[in-house]
């Protein structure tokens, strides 16, 4: 799974590279938001979201109201990344 942006002096290729970094940033922000929301619910949920990544799925199912914003940010990043894979495939 390798995205080839080619020569980044082309405007479209540079846009793809910047979009990839924005998607990566969205995933990082969503992870931080999940940890923060976990600590707001309970100390143990915060630690679980921080150290055990499958607990994020359980947290999102059990506390949908608290995980609404992190899921929206994660969905934005995932949508952007899937669009990049579609437009910049070989």
N, C-alpha and C. Protein backbone atom coordinates (compact mmCIF):
# COMPACT_ATOMS: atom_id res chain seq x y z
N UNK A 1 0.84 -1.16 0.00
CA UNK A 1 0.00 0.00 0.00
C UNK A 1 0.90 1.24 0.00
N UNK A 2 1.17 1.74 -1.19
CA UNK A 2 2.06 2.86 -1.31
C UNK A 2 1.41 3.92 -2.17
N UNK A 3 1.30 5.11 -1.64
CA UNK A 3 0.77 6.23 -2.43
C UNK A 3 1.93 6.90 -3.13
N UNK A 4 1.81 7.05 -4.45
CA UNK A 4 2.85 7.70 -5.22
C UNK A 4 2.35 9.05 -5.67
N UNK A 5 2.89 10.10 -5.09
CA UNK A 5 2.47 11.45 -5.45
C UNK A 5 3.29 11.99 -6.60
N UNK A 6 4.34 11.27 -7.00
CA UNK A 6 5.14 11.70 -8.13
C UNK A 6 5.91 12.96 -7.81
N UNK A 7 6.05 13.79 -8.81
CA UNK A 7 6.76 15.06 -8.68
C UNK A 7 5.89 16.05 -7.91
N UNK A 8 6.35 16.47 -6.74
CA UNK A 8 5.49 17.34 -5.92
C UNK A 8 5.48 18.78 -6.40
N UNK A 9 6.21 19.07 -7.51
CA UNK A 9 6.11 20.42 -8.06
C UNK A 9 4.79 20.61 -8.79
N UNK A 10 4.11 19.52 -9.10
CA UNK A 10 2.79 19.60 -9.72
C UNK A 10 1.77 19.97 -8.64
N UNK A 11 0.82 20.87 -8.92
CA UNK A 11 -0.14 21.30 -7.89
C UNK A 11 -1.00 20.16 -7.35
N UNK A 12 -1.43 19.24 -8.18
CA UNK A 12 -2.26 18.13 -7.72
C UNK A 12 -1.52 17.19 -6.79
N UNK A 13 -0.25 16.95 -7.10
CA UNK A 13 0.54 16.06 -6.25
C UNK A 13 0.83 16.69 -4.90
N UNK A 14 1.09 17.97 -4.90
CA UNK A 14 1.31 18.66 -3.63
C UNK A 14 0.05 18.68 -2.79
N UNK A 15 -1.10 18.85 -3.44
CA UNK A 15 -2.38 18.80 -2.73
C UNK A 15 -2.59 17.43 -2.10
N UNK A 16 -2.21 16.37 -2.80
CA UNK A 16 -2.34 15.03 -2.25
C UNK A 16 -1.46 14.81 -1.04
N UNK A 17 -0.24 15.33 -1.10
CA UNK A 17 0.68 15.18 0.03
C UNK A 17 0.18 15.95 1.25
N UNK A 18 -0.29 17.16 1.04
CA UNK A 18 -0.82 17.96 2.14
C UNK A 18 -2.08 17.30 2.72
N UNK A 19 -2.92 16.75 1.85
CA UNK A 19 -4.13 16.07 2.32
C UNK A 19 -3.79 14.84 3.15
N UNK A 20 -2.72 14.14 2.79
CA UNK A 20 -2.31 12.97 3.57
C UNK A 20 -1.89 13.39 4.97
N UNK A 21 -1.17 14.49 5.08
CA UNK A 21 -0.77 14.97 6.40
C UNK A 21 -1.96 15.47 7.21
N UNK A 22 -2.94 16.05 6.54
CA UNK A 22 -4.16 16.48 7.24
C UNK A 22 -4.92 15.27 7.76
N UNK A 23 -4.99 14.19 6.97
CA UNK A 23 -5.66 12.97 7.42
C UNK A 23 -4.92 12.38 8.62
N UNK A 24 -3.60 12.36 8.56
CA UNK A 24 -2.82 11.85 9.69
C UNK A 24 -3.05 12.69 10.94
N UNK A 25 -3.11 13.99 10.78
CA UNK A 25 -3.37 14.88 11.90
C UNK A 25 -4.77 14.65 12.48
N UNK A 26 -5.75 14.36 11.62
CA UNK A 26 -7.10 14.09 12.09
C UNK A 26 -7.12 12.81 12.94
N UNK A 27 -6.36 11.79 12.54
CA UNK A 27 -6.30 10.56 13.33
C UNK A 27 -5.66 10.81 14.69
N UNK A 28 -4.63 11.62 14.74
CA UNK A 28 -3.97 11.93 16.01
C UNK A 28 -4.91 12.72 16.92
N UNK A 29 -5.60 13.71 16.36
CA UNK A 29 -6.53 14.52 17.15
C UNK A 29 -7.68 13.65 17.66
N UNK A 30 -8.19 12.75 16.83
CA UNK A 30 -9.27 11.85 17.26
C UNK A 30 -8.80 10.96 18.41
N UNK A 31 -7.57 10.46 18.33
CA UNK A 31 -7.04 9.65 19.42
C UNK A 31 -6.93 10.42 20.72
N UNK A 32 -6.47 11.65 20.63
CA UNK A 32 -6.37 12.49 21.83
C UNK A 32 -7.76 12.77 22.39
N UNK A 33 -8.73 13.05 21.52
CA UNK A 33 -10.08 13.32 21.98
C UNK A 33 -10.70 12.09 22.65
N UNK A 34 -10.41 10.90 22.13
CA UNK A 34 -10.91 9.68 22.78
C UNK A 34 -10.34 9.52 24.18
N UNK A 35 -9.08 9.81 24.34
CA UNK A 35 -8.47 9.70 25.67
C UNK A 35 -9.06 10.73 26.62
N UNK A 36 -9.23 11.96 26.15
CA UNK A 36 -9.79 13.01 27.00
C UNK A 36 -11.22 12.67 27.41
N UNK A 37 -12.02 12.23 26.45
CA UNK A 37 -13.40 11.86 26.77
C UNK A 37 -13.44 10.65 27.71
N UNK A 38 -12.51 9.73 27.55
CA UNK A 38 -12.44 8.59 28.46
C UNK A 38 -12.15 9.02 29.89
N UNK A 39 -11.24 9.96 30.06
CA UNK A 39 -10.95 10.47 31.41
C UNK A 39 -12.13 11.25 31.98
N UNK A 40 -12.92 11.88 31.13
CA UNK A 40 -14.10 12.59 31.63
C UNK A 40 -15.16 11.63 32.15
N UNK A 41 -15.24 10.44 31.54
CA UNK A 41 -16.22 9.44 32.00
C UNK A 41 -15.73 8.78 33.28
N UNK A 42 -14.51 8.25 33.22
CA UNK A 42 -13.93 7.57 34.39
C UNK A 42 -12.43 7.46 34.18
N UNK A 43 -11.70 7.47 35.26
CA UNK A 43 -10.24 7.39 35.19
C UNK A 43 -9.77 6.13 34.46
N UNK A 44 -10.43 5.02 34.72
CA UNK A 44 -10.04 3.74 34.09
C UNK A 44 -10.31 3.75 32.59
N UNK A 45 -11.40 4.40 32.15
CA UNK A 45 -11.67 4.49 30.72
C UNK A 45 -10.58 5.32 30.02
N UNK A 46 -10.13 6.35 30.67
CA UNK A 46 -9.07 7.16 30.09
C UNK A 46 -7.78 6.38 29.92
N UNK A 47 -7.41 5.63 30.95
CA UNK A 47 -6.20 4.80 30.85
C UNK A 47 -6.36 3.70 29.81
N UNK A 48 -7.55 3.10 29.76
CA UNK A 48 -7.79 2.04 28.78
C UNK A 48 -7.72 2.60 27.36
N UNK A 49 -8.31 3.77 27.12
CA UNK A 49 -8.25 4.38 25.79
C UNK A 49 -6.83 4.80 25.42
N UNK A 50 -6.03 5.12 26.41
CA UNK A 50 -4.67 5.54 26.17
C UNK A 50 -3.75 4.37 25.83
N UNK A 51 -3.90 3.24 26.54
CA UNK A 51 -2.95 2.15 26.40
C UNK A 51 -3.47 0.94 25.63
N UNK A 52 -4.76 0.74 25.56
CA UNK A 52 -5.32 -0.45 24.91
C UNK A 52 -6.28 0.03 23.82
N UNK A 53 -5.82 0.04 22.57
CA UNK A 53 -6.61 0.66 21.52
C UNK A 53 -7.95 -0.01 21.23
N UNK A 54 -8.14 -1.34 21.42
CA UNK A 54 -9.49 -1.88 21.18
C UNK A 54 -10.54 -1.36 22.17
N UNK A 55 -10.11 -0.83 23.28
CA UNK A 55 -11.06 -0.26 24.24
C UNK A 55 -11.76 0.97 23.68
N UNK A 56 -11.16 1.61 22.69
CA UNK A 56 -11.80 2.76 22.06
C UNK A 56 -13.10 2.33 21.39
N UNK A 57 -13.10 1.15 20.79
CA UNK A 57 -14.31 0.63 20.14
C UNK A 57 -15.40 0.38 21.18
N UNK A 58 -15.02 -0.25 22.28
CA UNK A 58 -15.99 -0.50 23.34
C UNK A 58 -16.50 0.81 23.94
N UNK A 59 -15.61 1.76 24.09
CA UNK A 59 -16.00 3.07 24.62
C UNK A 59 -17.00 3.76 23.70
N UNK A 60 -16.75 3.68 22.39
CA UNK A 60 -17.64 4.32 21.41
C UNK A 60 -19.02 3.66 21.40
N UNK A 61 -19.08 2.37 21.66
CA UNK A 61 -20.37 1.67 21.69
C UNK A 61 -21.11 1.96 23.00
N UNK A 62 -20.39 1.94 24.10
CA UNK A 62 -21.05 2.12 25.41
C UNK A 62 -21.38 3.57 25.72
N UNK A 63 -20.61 4.51 25.19
CA UNK A 63 -20.82 5.93 25.47
C UNK A 63 -20.89 6.71 24.14
N UNK A 64 -21.98 6.55 23.40
CA UNK A 64 -22.05 7.21 22.08
C UNK A 64 -22.09 8.74 22.16
N UNK A 65 -22.70 9.27 23.19
CA UNK A 65 -22.78 10.73 23.30
C UNK A 65 -21.40 11.34 23.55
N UNK A 66 -20.61 10.70 24.39
CA UNK A 66 -19.28 11.22 24.71
C UNK A 66 -18.30 11.02 23.56
N UNK A 67 -18.51 10.01 22.75
CA UNK A 67 -17.56 9.72 21.67
C UNK A 67 -18.01 10.28 20.33
N UNK A 68 -18.99 11.16 20.33
CA UNK A 68 -19.51 11.71 19.08
C UNK A 68 -18.46 12.56 18.35
N UNK A 69 -17.85 13.50 19.04
CA UNK A 69 -16.86 14.38 18.40
C UNK A 69 -15.62 13.63 17.93
N UNK A 70 -15.05 12.73 18.76
CA UNK A 70 -13.89 11.99 18.25
C UNK A 70 -14.22 11.12 17.04
N UNK A 71 -15.42 10.56 17.00
CA UNK A 71 -15.80 9.75 15.85
C UNK A 71 -15.98 10.59 14.59
N UNK A 72 -16.47 11.81 14.73
CA UNK A 72 -16.60 12.69 13.58
C UNK A 72 -15.22 13.06 13.02
N UNK A 73 -14.29 13.37 13.90
CA UNK A 73 -12.93 13.71 13.46
C UNK A 73 -12.27 12.49 12.83
N UNK A 74 -12.45 11.32 13.42
CA UNK A 74 -11.89 10.10 12.86
C UNK A 74 -12.50 9.80 11.49
N UNK A 75 -13.80 9.99 11.37
CA UNK A 75 -14.48 9.76 10.09
C UNK A 75 -13.99 10.71 9.01
N UNK A 76 -13.73 11.97 9.37
CA UNK A 76 -13.17 12.93 8.41
C UNK A 76 -11.81 12.45 7.91
N UNK A 77 -10.95 12.02 8.82
CA UNK A 77 -9.63 11.54 8.43
C UNK A 77 -9.70 10.29 7.57
N UNK A 78 -10.60 9.38 7.93
CA UNK A 78 -10.74 8.15 7.16
C UNK A 78 -11.28 8.44 5.77
N UNK A 79 -12.25 9.33 5.66
CA UNK A 79 -12.80 9.70 4.35
C UNK A 79 -11.74 10.35 3.48
N UNK A 80 -10.96 11.23 4.06
CA UNK A 80 -9.90 11.89 3.31
C UNK A 80 -8.86 10.88 2.85
N UNK A 81 -8.50 9.94 3.70
CA UNK A 81 -7.51 8.94 3.33
C UNK A 81 -8.04 8.01 2.24
N UNK A 82 -9.30 7.62 2.31
CA UNK A 82 -9.88 6.77 1.27
C UNK A 82 -9.96 7.50 -0.07
N UNK A 83 -10.26 8.79 -0.03
CA UNK A 83 -10.26 9.58 -1.27
C UNK A 83 -8.86 9.65 -1.86
N UNK A 84 -7.86 9.78 -1.01
CA UNK A 84 -6.48 9.79 -1.50
C UNK A 84 -6.11 8.48 -2.15
N UNK A 85 -6.49 7.36 -1.55
CA UNK A 85 -6.20 6.06 -2.14
C UNK A 85 -6.91 5.90 -3.48
N UNK A 86 -8.08 6.47 -3.62
CA UNK A 86 -8.81 6.36 -4.87
C UNK A 86 -8.17 7.21 -5.97
N UNK A 87 -7.81 8.44 -5.67
CA UNK A 87 -7.31 9.35 -6.69
C UNK A 87 -5.84 9.19 -7.01
N UNK A 88 -5.05 8.65 -6.08
CA UNK A 88 -3.62 8.52 -6.31
C UNK A 88 -3.17 7.07 -6.39
N UNK A 89 -4.01 6.20 -6.85
CA UNK A 89 -3.60 4.80 -7.01
C UNK A 89 -2.79 4.67 -8.29
N UNK A 90 -2.08 3.58 -8.40
CA UNK A 90 -1.21 3.36 -9.58
C UNK A 90 -2.02 2.92 -10.75
